[in-house]
Amino acid sequence: MKIDVKKIAADLGLILGLVLFLLNAIFYVVDIELFLNGATLINFVLVIGFGIYSIINSRKKLGGYISWNDSFISYLACVAVGMSIATLSQIFIFVILDPTAAETLHEMGMIMVKETYSSMGVSDELLEQMLIEADKNPSFSFSNLTLGLGLGLLVQVIFGAINALIFKRGNPEIA
């Protein structure tokens, strides 16, 4: 019986997606400012951790050996499913359920950008121009959330390739 690495990884991806969905819900209920101050780092660590666990779990189910290709597929399938569910939950929260929360976060983000660049000594004209451009492109809009998913998956391709190299283990009997 052939073991399907994609199925194993997708099942773990569903669990990752559920965890990220719950985190998004908790951040929304507790304090939406958490989306600006820590959600990205927490999500990033969870995604990489689940991806690595997916490789290790797949390797264990395959008898202790896994190719780079299967390692990479295991990582990326898990991460893609989980991140997609997390993005769908953010789209539900900020586009459908409560668009005013997205506007509030956008305003808070603009204030953070202004304070950060002002403290770095950026000229007022340049800062004003940057804020005008940033105001045209809210972070929690549908297009930016989906763009963030796409860019996040591209970053995870790199991490997946590196982790696949680290965790692959060839079968010496076949080689």
Protein backbone atom coordinates (compact mmCIF):
# COMPACT_ATOMS: atom_id res chain seq x y z
CA MET A 1 0.00 0.00 0.00
CA LYS A 2 1.49 3.32 -1.10
CA ILE A 3 1.61 6.05 1.48
CA ASP A 4 0.31 9.38 0.20
CA VAL A 5 2.56 12.16 1.51
CA LYS A 6 0.17 14.83 0.19
CA LYS A 7 -2.72 13.42 2.23
CA ILE A 8 -0.63 13.30 5.41
CA ALA A 9 0.54 16.88 4.84
CA ALA A 10 -2.92 18.18 3.92
CA ASP A 11 -4.37 16.71 7.12
CA LEU A 12 -1.70 18.52 9.15
CA GLY A 13 -2.40 21.64 7.09
CA LEU A 14 -6.04 21.49 8.15
CA ILE A 15 -4.94 21.41 11.79
CA LEU A 16 -2.54 24.32 11.16
CA GLY A 17 -5.35 26.23 9.45
CA LEU A 18 -7.65 25.61 12.40
CA VAL A 19 -4.98 26.84 14.84
CA LEU A 20 -4.35 29.97 12.76
CA PHE A 21 -8.10 30.53 12.39
CA LEU A 22 -8.51 30.36 16.17
CA LEU A 23 -5.59 32.75 16.66
CA ASN A 24 -7.17 35.21 14.22
CA ALA A 25 -10.47 34.93 16.08
CA ILE A 26 -8.76 35.42 19.46
CA PHE A 27 -6.81 38.46 18.19
CA TYR A 28 -10.01 39.93 16.80
CA VAL A 29 -11.99 39.39 20.01
CA VAL A 30 -9.25 40.38 22.48
CA ASP A 31 -7.65 43.35 20.71
CA ILE A 32 -7.40 43.96 16.97
CA GLU A 33 -4.14 45.81 17.53
CA LEU A 34 -2.56 42.38 18.00
CA PHE A 35 -2.78 41.99 14.21
CA LEU A 36 -0.19 44.76 13.96
CA ASN A 37 2.00 43.86 16.91
CA GLY A 38 2.56 40.14 16.98
CA ALA A 39 0.31 38.06 14.81
CA THR A 40 2.77 37.90 11.94
CA LEU A 41 5.63 36.53 14.02
CA ILE A 42 3.45 34.01 15.84
CA ASN A 43 1.91 32.82 12.55
CA PHE A 44 5.35 32.61 10.91
CA VAL A 45 6.76 30.43 13.69
CA LEU A 46 3.68 28.18 13.73
CA VAL A 47 3.74 27.74 9.94
CA ILE A 48 7.41 26.76 9.86
CA GLY A 49 6.98 24.49 12.88
CA PHE A 50 4.02 22.67 11.34
CA GLY A 51 5.87 22.37 8.03
CA ILE A 52 8.87 20.76 9.72
CA TYR A 53 6.60 18.48 11.73
CA SER A 54 4.87 17.49 8.50
CA ILE A 55 8.22 16.41 6.98
CA ILE A 56 9.17 14.46 10.10
CA ASN A 57 5.73 12.83 10.32
CA SER A 58 5.82 11.85 6.64
CA ARG A 59 9.33 10.44 6.99
CA LYS A 60 8.21 8.38 9.97
CA LYS A 61 5.21 6.99 8.06
CA LEU A 62 7.48 6.16 5.11
CA GLY A 63 9.66 3.94 7.31
CA GLY A 64 12.27 6.52 8.31
CA TYR A 65 13.33 7.50 4.79
CA ILE A 66 12.10 10.37 2.64
CA SER A 67 13.33 11.91 -0.60
CA TRP A 68 13.87 15.63 -1.05
CA ASN A 69 10.85 15.75 -3.35
CA ASP A 70 8.53 14.09 -0.83
CA SER A 71 9.96 16.28 1.96
CA PHE A 72 9.31 19.42 -0.05
CA ILE A 73 5.79 18.34 -1.01
CA SER A 74 5.04 17.44 2.59
CA TYR A 75 6.21 20.84 3.82
CA LEU A 76 4.55 22.91 1.13
CA ALA A 77 1.21 21.07 1.11
CA CYS A 78 0.86 21.50 4.88
CA VAL A 79 1.85 25.15 4.80
CA ALA A 80 -0.29 26.02 1.76
CA VAL A 81 -3.45 24.52 3.26
CA GLY A 82 -2.88 26.16 6.65
CA MET A 83 -2.00 29.59 5.28
CA SER A 84 -4.97 29.51 2.89
CA ILE A 85 -7.38 28.82 5.74
CA ALA A 86 -5.80 31.61 7.80
CA THR A 87 -6.14 34.07 4.91
CA LEU A 88 -9.75 33.05 4.34
CA SER A 89 -10.46 33.72 8.02
CA GLN A 90 -8.88 37.18 7.75
CA ILE A 91 -10.88 37.91 4.61
CA PHE A 92 -14.03 36.87 6.46
CA ILE A 93 -13.18 39.08 9.44
CA PHE A 94 -11.95 42.21 7.65
CA VAL A 95 -13.88 42.20 4.37
CA ILE A 96 -17.22 40.59 5.26
CA LEU A 97 -17.79 40.66 9.03
CA ASP A 98 -16.22 43.95 10.15
CA PRO A 99 -14.74 46.23 7.48
CA THR A 100 -14.45 49.01 10.06
CA ALA A 101 -11.88 46.91 11.92
CA ALA A 102 -9.78 46.87 8.75
CA GLU A 103 -10.08 50.66 8.52
CA THR A 104 -9.08 51.02 12.17
CA LEU A 105 -6.03 48.80 11.66
CA HIS A 106 -5.11 50.74 8.54
CA GLU A 107 -5.23 54.03 10.46
CA MET A 108 -3.20 52.54 13.33
CA GLY A 109 -0.66 51.23 10.84
CA MET A 110 -0.36 54.65 9.20
CA ILE A 111 0.32 56.20 12.61
CA MET A 112 2.98 53.57 13.32
CA VAL A 113 4.63 54.25 9.94
CA LYS A 114 4.63 58.00 10.57
CA GLU A 115 6.14 57.62 14.04
CA THR A 116 8.78 55.16 12.85
CA TYR A 117 9.95 57.21 9.90
CA SER A 118 9.77 60.49 11.83
CA SER A 119 12.07 59.06 14.49
CA MET A 120 14.48 58.00 11.71
CA GLY A 121 14.75 61.60 10.47
CA VAL A 122 12.93 61.17 7.15
CA SER A 123 12.02 64.55 5.63
CA ASP A 124 8.44 65.72 6.05
CA GLU A 125 7.87 65.91 2.27
CA LEU A 126 9.02 62.34 1.70
CA LEU A 127 7.06 61.11 4.71
CA GLU A 128 3.92 62.83 3.44
CA GLN A 129 4.36 61.26 0.00
CA MET A 130 4.86 57.81 1.56
CA LEU A 131 1.73 58.19 3.69
CA ILE A 132 -0.35 59.27 0.68
CA GLU A 133 0.77 56.16 -1.24
CA ALA A 134 0.19 53.90 1.79
CA ASP A 135 -3.29 55.37 2.28
CA LYS A 136 -4.26 54.26 -1.23
CA ASN A 137 -3.46 50.63 -0.40
CA PRO A 138 -5.02 49.40 2.89
CA SER A 139 -3.25 46.40 4.40
CA PHE A 140 -6.37 44.42 5.23
CA SER A 141 -8.17 44.76 1.91
CA PHE A 142 -9.10 41.65 -0.06
CA SER A 143 -6.39 42.27 -2.65
CA ASN A 144 -3.65 42.81 -0.09
CA LEU A 145 -4.66 39.80 1.98
CA THR A 146 -4.52 37.56 -1.10
CA LEU A 147 -1.27 39.19 -2.21
CA GLY A 148 0.11 38.53 1.26
CA LEU A 149 -0.86 34.88 0.92
CA GLY A 150 0.91 34.62 -2.42
CA LEU A 151 4.07 36.31 -1.18
CA GLY A 152 3.98 34.27 2.03
CA LEU A 153 3.80 31.06 0.02
CA LEU A 154 6.78 32.17 -2.06
CA VAL A 155 8.78 32.71 1.12
CA GLN A 156 7.66 29.31 2.37
CA VAL A 157 8.89 27.69 -0.86
CA ILE A 158 12.39 28.82 0.12
CA PHE A 159 12.03 27.59 3.70
CA GLY A 160 10.48 24.36 2.42
CA ALA A 161 13.40 23.70 0.08
CA ILE A 162 15.91 24.30 2.88
CA ASN A 163 14.01 22.13 5.35
CA ALA A 164 13.58 19.40 2.74
CA LEU A 165 17.37 19.35 2.32
CA ILE A 166 17.88 19.20 6.07
CA PHE A 167 15.33 16.47 6.81
CA LYS A 168 15.59 14.21 3.74
CA ARG A 169 17.01 10.79 4.42
CA GLY A 170 17.76 8.38 1.63
CA ASN A 171 17.35 4.64 1.98
CA PRO A 172 20.83 3.07 1.78
CA GLU A 173 19.36 -0.23 0.51
CA ILE A 174 17.96 1.48 -2.61
CA ALA A 175 20.94 3.73 -3.32
